[in-house]
N, C-alpha and C. Protein backbone atom coordinates (compact mmCIF):
# COMPACT_ATOMS: atom_id res chain seq x y z
N UNK A 1 37.35 21.79 -46.37
CA UNK A 1 36.55 22.17 -47.49
C UNK A 1 35.14 21.58 -47.39
N UNK A 2 35.02 20.35 -46.95
CA UNK A 2 33.71 19.72 -46.84
C UNK A 2 32.95 20.15 -45.59
N UNK A 3 33.58 20.91 -44.69
CA UNK A 3 32.91 21.39 -43.49
C UNK A 3 32.09 22.66 -43.73
N UNK A 4 32.21 23.24 -44.90
CA UNK A 4 31.50 24.49 -45.18
C UNK A 4 29.98 24.35 -45.04
N UNK A 5 29.34 23.31 -45.57
CA UNK A 5 27.88 23.20 -45.34
C UNK A 5 27.52 23.06 -43.87
N UNK A 6 28.35 22.39 -43.10
CA UNK A 6 28.08 22.25 -41.66
C UNK A 6 28.23 23.60 -40.98
N UNK A 7 29.24 24.37 -41.38
CA UNK A 7 29.41 25.72 -40.82
C UNK A 7 28.22 26.62 -41.18
N UNK A 8 27.78 26.51 -42.43
CA UNK A 8 26.63 27.31 -42.85
C UNK A 8 25.37 26.91 -42.08
N UNK A 9 25.18 25.62 -41.86
CA UNK A 9 24.05 25.16 -41.08
C UNK A 9 24.14 25.69 -39.64
N UNK A 10 25.32 25.66 -39.07
CA UNK A 10 25.52 26.20 -37.72
C UNK A 10 25.22 27.68 -37.66
N UNK A 11 25.66 28.44 -38.65
CA UNK A 11 25.38 29.87 -38.70
C UNK A 11 23.88 30.14 -38.84
N UNK A 12 23.22 29.30 -39.67
CA UNK A 12 21.77 29.46 -39.82
C UNK A 12 21.06 29.18 -38.51
N UNK A 13 21.45 28.12 -37.81
CA UNK A 13 20.79 27.78 -36.54
C UNK A 13 21.01 28.87 -35.50
N UNK A 14 22.21 29.42 -35.45
CA UNK A 14 22.47 30.54 -34.52
C UNK A 14 21.61 31.73 -34.88
N UNK A 15 21.51 32.02 -36.19
CA UNK A 15 20.67 33.13 -36.64
C UNK A 15 19.22 32.88 -36.26
N UNK A 16 18.74 31.66 -36.53
CA UNK A 16 17.33 31.36 -36.32
C UNK A 16 16.95 31.32 -34.85
N UNK A 17 17.77 30.69 -34.02
CA UNK A 17 17.40 30.48 -32.62
C UNK A 17 17.93 31.55 -31.66
N UNK A 18 18.88 32.39 -32.09
CA UNK A 18 19.44 33.37 -31.16
C UNK A 18 19.33 34.80 -31.67
N UNK A 19 19.74 35.04 -32.90
CA UNK A 19 19.83 36.43 -33.36
C UNK A 19 18.45 37.03 -33.60
N UNK A 20 17.58 36.31 -34.32
CA UNK A 20 16.24 36.85 -34.59
C UNK A 20 15.43 37.04 -33.30
N UNK A 21 15.40 36.05 -32.38
CA UNK A 21 14.69 36.32 -31.12
C UNK A 21 15.27 37.50 -30.33
N UNK A 22 16.59 37.69 -30.39
CA UNK A 22 17.18 38.84 -29.71
C UNK A 22 16.71 40.15 -30.35
N UNK A 23 16.56 40.15 -31.67
CA UNK A 23 16.05 41.34 -32.35
C UNK A 23 14.59 41.59 -32.03
N UNK A 24 13.82 40.51 -31.89
CA UNK A 24 12.42 40.67 -31.49
C UNK A 24 12.34 41.25 -30.09
N UNK A 25 13.18 40.75 -29.18
CA UNK A 25 13.21 41.30 -27.82
C UNK A 25 13.65 42.77 -27.81
N UNK A 26 14.62 43.10 -28.65
CA UNK A 26 15.07 44.50 -28.72
C UNK A 26 13.95 45.39 -29.25
N UNK A 27 13.20 44.90 -30.23
CA UNK A 27 12.07 45.68 -30.75
C UNK A 27 10.98 45.83 -29.70
N UNK A 28 10.73 44.77 -28.94
CA UNK A 28 9.74 44.84 -27.88
C UNK A 28 10.17 45.85 -26.81
N UNK A 29 11.45 45.83 -26.46
CA UNK A 29 11.96 46.80 -25.48
C UNK A 29 11.84 48.22 -26.00
N UNK A 30 12.14 48.42 -27.27
CA UNK A 30 12.02 49.75 -27.87
C UNK A 30 10.57 50.21 -27.85
N UNK A 31 9.66 49.29 -28.15
CA UNK A 31 8.24 49.64 -28.13
C UNK A 31 7.79 49.97 -26.71
N UNK A 32 8.30 49.23 -25.72
CA UNK A 32 7.96 49.53 -24.32
C UNK A 32 8.50 50.89 -23.90
N UNK A 33 9.70 51.23 -24.35
CA UNK A 33 10.26 52.55 -24.01
C UNK A 33 9.47 53.67 -24.68
N UNK A 34 9.00 53.44 -25.90
CA UNK A 34 8.15 54.43 -26.56
C UNK A 34 6.83 54.58 -25.81
N UNK A 35 6.27 53.45 -25.37
CA UNK A 35 5.03 53.51 -24.59
C UNK A 35 5.26 54.24 -23.28
N UNK A 36 6.43 54.07 -22.68
CA UNK A 36 6.74 54.79 -21.44
C UNK A 36 6.81 56.29 -21.69
N UNK A 37 7.38 56.69 -22.82
CA UNK A 37 7.42 58.12 -23.14
C UNK A 37 6.02 58.70 -23.30
N UNK A 38 5.11 57.89 -23.82
CA UNK A 38 3.75 58.37 -24.06
C UNK A 38 2.91 58.31 -22.78
N UNK A 39 2.96 57.17 -22.08
CA UNK A 39 2.06 56.94 -20.95
C UNK A 39 2.59 57.45 -19.61
N UNK A 40 3.89 57.66 -19.48
CA UNK A 40 4.52 58.23 -18.29
C UNK A 40 4.16 57.47 -17.01
N UNK A 41 4.46 56.17 -17.00
CA UNK A 41 4.16 55.35 -15.83
C UNK A 41 4.91 55.83 -14.58
N UNK A 42 6.18 56.11 -14.72
CA UNK A 42 6.98 56.52 -13.56
C UNK A 42 6.48 57.80 -12.92
N UNK A 43 6.15 58.78 -13.74
CA UNK A 43 5.66 60.05 -13.21
C UNK A 43 4.30 59.88 -12.56
N UNK A 44 3.42 59.11 -13.20
CA UNK A 44 2.10 58.89 -12.62
C UNK A 44 2.18 58.11 -11.32
N UNK A 45 3.06 57.13 -11.24
CA UNK A 45 3.21 56.36 -10.02
C UNK A 45 3.73 57.25 -8.88
N UNK A 46 4.71 58.08 -9.19
CA UNK A 46 5.27 58.97 -8.17
C UNK A 46 4.22 59.96 -7.67
N UNK A 47 3.46 60.55 -8.61
CA UNK A 47 2.43 61.51 -8.21
C UNK A 47 1.26 60.83 -7.52
N UNK A 48 0.97 59.59 -7.91
CA UNK A 48 -0.12 58.84 -7.29
C UNK A 48 0.20 58.53 -5.83
N UNK A 49 1.44 58.07 -5.59
CA UNK A 49 1.84 57.72 -4.22
C UNK A 49 2.02 58.96 -3.34
N UNK A 50 2.31 60.10 -3.94
CA UNK A 50 2.47 61.34 -3.16
C UNK A 50 1.13 62.04 -2.94
N UNK A 51 0.05 61.48 -3.49
CA UNK A 51 -1.30 62.07 -3.38
C UNK A 51 -1.34 63.50 -3.91
N UNK A 52 -0.63 63.72 -5.00
CA UNK A 52 -0.67 65.05 -5.62
C UNK A 52 -2.03 65.24 -6.28
N UNK A 53 -2.62 66.42 -6.09
CA UNK A 53 -3.94 66.66 -6.68
C UNK A 53 -3.84 66.85 -8.20
N UNK A 54 -4.97 66.65 -8.82
CA UNK A 54 -5.05 66.84 -10.27
C UNK A 54 -5.42 68.30 -10.55
N UNK A 55 -4.78 68.92 -11.50
CA UNK A 55 -5.05 70.29 -11.95
C UNK A 55 -4.89 71.33 -10.83
N UNK A 56 -4.04 71.04 -9.85
CA UNK A 56 -3.73 72.01 -8.81
C UNK A 56 -4.84 72.27 -7.82
N UNK A 57 -5.83 71.39 -7.72
CA UNK A 57 -6.93 71.54 -6.77
C UNK A 57 -6.50 70.89 -5.46
N UNK A 58 -5.99 71.69 -4.51
CA UNK A 58 -5.35 71.16 -3.31
C UNK A 58 -6.30 70.86 -2.15
N UNK A 59 -7.60 70.81 -2.37
CA UNK A 59 -8.48 70.40 -1.27
C UNK A 59 -8.64 68.88 -1.32
N UNK A 60 -9.46 68.33 -0.44
CA UNK A 60 -9.56 66.88 -0.33
C UNK A 60 -10.19 66.26 -1.57
N UNK A 61 -11.12 66.98 -2.23
CA UNK A 61 -11.75 66.45 -3.45
C UNK A 61 -10.75 66.35 -4.58
N UNK A 62 -9.91 67.37 -4.73
CA UNK A 62 -8.88 67.34 -5.77
C UNK A 62 -7.89 66.22 -5.56
N UNK A 63 -7.51 66.02 -4.30
CA UNK A 63 -6.59 64.92 -4.00
C UNK A 63 -7.24 63.56 -4.24
N UNK A 64 -8.52 63.43 -3.90
CA UNK A 64 -9.22 62.17 -4.11
C UNK A 64 -9.37 61.88 -5.61
N UNK A 65 -9.76 62.88 -6.37
CA UNK A 65 -9.90 62.70 -7.82
C UNK A 65 -8.54 62.39 -8.44
N UNK A 66 -7.50 63.08 -8.02
CA UNK A 66 -6.16 62.80 -8.52
C UNK A 66 -5.70 61.39 -8.18
N UNK A 67 -5.99 60.96 -6.95
CA UNK A 67 -5.62 59.60 -6.53
C UNK A 67 -6.34 58.56 -7.37
N UNK A 68 -7.64 58.74 -7.57
CA UNK A 68 -8.41 57.77 -8.35
C UNK A 68 -7.99 57.77 -9.82
N UNK A 69 -7.85 58.94 -10.41
CA UNK A 69 -7.49 59.04 -11.83
C UNK A 69 -6.10 58.47 -12.07
N UNK A 70 -5.14 58.86 -11.23
CA UNK A 70 -3.78 58.34 -11.44
C UNK A 70 -3.68 56.86 -11.12
N UNK A 71 -4.47 56.39 -10.16
CA UNK A 71 -4.51 54.96 -9.88
C UNK A 71 -5.01 54.19 -11.09
N UNK A 72 -6.05 54.71 -11.73
CA UNK A 72 -6.54 54.08 -12.94
C UNK A 72 -5.49 54.10 -14.04
N UNK A 73 -4.80 55.23 -14.20
CA UNK A 73 -3.76 55.33 -15.23
C UNK A 73 -2.61 54.39 -14.97
N UNK A 74 -2.21 54.23 -13.71
CA UNK A 74 -1.13 53.32 -13.36
C UNK A 74 -1.53 51.88 -13.71
N UNK A 75 -2.73 51.48 -13.34
CA UNK A 75 -3.18 50.12 -13.62
C UNK A 75 -3.34 49.89 -15.13
N UNK A 76 -3.88 50.87 -15.84
CA UNK A 76 -4.05 50.74 -17.28
C UNK A 76 -2.70 50.67 -17.99
N UNK A 77 -1.74 51.45 -17.52
CA UNK A 77 -0.41 51.43 -18.10
C UNK A 77 0.27 50.09 -17.86
N UNK A 78 0.12 49.55 -16.66
CA UNK A 78 0.67 48.21 -16.39
C UNK A 78 0.04 47.16 -17.29
N UNK A 79 -1.24 47.28 -17.54
CA UNK A 79 -1.92 46.35 -18.44
C UNK A 79 -1.38 46.47 -19.87
N UNK A 80 -1.17 47.69 -20.32
CA UNK A 80 -0.62 47.90 -21.67
C UNK A 80 0.79 47.32 -21.75
N UNK A 81 1.62 47.54 -20.73
CA UNK A 81 2.97 46.98 -20.73
C UNK A 81 2.94 45.46 -20.74
N UNK A 82 2.02 44.88 -19.99
CA UNK A 82 1.90 43.43 -19.96
C UNK A 82 1.49 42.89 -21.33
N UNK A 83 0.56 43.56 -21.97
CA UNK A 83 0.11 43.13 -23.30
C UNK A 83 1.25 43.22 -24.30
N UNK A 84 2.01 44.30 -24.28
CA UNK A 84 3.15 44.45 -25.20
C UNK A 84 4.18 43.35 -24.95
N UNK A 85 4.46 43.07 -23.69
CA UNK A 85 5.44 42.03 -23.36
C UNK A 85 4.97 40.65 -23.80
N UNK A 86 3.71 40.35 -23.58
CA UNK A 86 3.18 39.04 -23.99
C UNK A 86 3.20 38.90 -25.51
N UNK A 87 2.87 39.97 -26.22
CA UNK A 87 2.92 39.92 -27.68
C UNK A 87 4.35 39.66 -28.16
N UNK A 88 5.33 40.29 -27.52
CA UNK A 88 6.73 40.05 -27.89
C UNK A 88 7.15 38.61 -27.64
N UNK A 89 6.75 38.06 -26.50
CA UNK A 89 7.10 36.66 -26.20
C UNK A 89 6.37 35.69 -27.12
N UNK A 90 5.12 35.98 -27.45
CA UNK A 90 4.40 35.13 -28.39
C UNK A 90 5.04 35.19 -29.76
N UNK A 91 5.52 36.36 -30.17
CA UNK A 91 6.20 36.47 -31.46
C UNK A 91 7.44 35.59 -31.51
N UNK A 92 8.19 35.53 -30.42
CA UNK A 92 9.37 34.66 -30.37
C UNK A 92 8.96 33.20 -30.45
N UNK A 93 7.94 32.83 -29.70
CA UNK A 93 7.48 31.44 -29.73
C UNK A 93 6.95 31.05 -31.10
N UNK A 94 6.22 31.94 -31.75
CA UNK A 94 5.73 31.67 -33.11
C UNK A 94 6.91 31.53 -34.06
N UNK A 95 7.93 32.34 -33.90
CA UNK A 95 9.12 32.25 -34.75
C UNK A 95 9.80 30.89 -34.60
N UNK A 96 9.88 30.40 -33.37
CA UNK A 96 10.53 29.11 -33.15
C UNK A 96 9.67 27.94 -33.63
N UNK A 97 8.34 28.08 -33.58
CA UNK A 97 7.44 27.00 -33.98
C UNK A 97 7.13 27.05 -35.48
N UNK A 98 7.43 28.14 -36.13
CA UNK A 98 7.11 28.33 -37.54
C UNK A 98 7.61 27.21 -38.45
N UNK A 99 8.84 26.73 -38.34
CA UNK A 99 9.27 25.63 -39.22
C UNK A 99 8.43 24.36 -39.03
N UNK A 100 8.11 24.04 -37.79
CA UNK A 100 7.28 22.87 -37.54
C UNK A 100 5.89 23.04 -38.16
N UNK A 101 5.32 24.24 -38.05
CA UNK A 101 4.02 24.50 -38.67
C UNK A 101 4.08 24.37 -40.19
N UNK A 102 5.14 24.88 -40.78
CA UNK A 102 5.27 24.79 -42.24
C UNK A 102 5.41 23.33 -42.68
N UNK A 103 6.23 22.57 -41.98
CA UNK A 103 6.43 21.17 -42.36
C UNK A 103 5.18 20.34 -42.16
N UNK A 104 4.41 20.61 -41.12
CA UNK A 104 3.17 19.85 -40.92
C UNK A 104 2.10 20.23 -41.94
N UNK A 105 2.12 21.48 -42.39
CA UNK A 105 1.15 21.89 -43.40
C UNK A 105 1.51 21.34 -44.77
N UNK A 106 2.78 21.04 -45.03
CA UNK A 106 3.19 20.54 -46.33
C UNK A 106 2.92 19.03 -46.49
N UNK A 107 2.69 18.34 -45.41
CA UNK A 107 2.45 16.89 -45.49
C UNK A 107 1.17 16.55 -46.17
């Protein structure tokens, strides 16, 4: 009977340190998958490496423009993915540091 507060504290700690960060990671993954649907990294990478021309212009200029444009899109997409991932990790770190920040501000 007297172990109930200890059990509740244990459940709170599991929620705080494991469940919420897992939900933040799941949200970050969902956001990355949505970004993939919009930005089409896989398709652009495949077409970039195959030197497929842009807009069906199959001469050397079309292939060069397609290579440069898709190369830019691949790099920009990787940058967007990196930013989304870093924001997700920072959100987890802020969540874990939040109690310490609150307690130091209350002093």
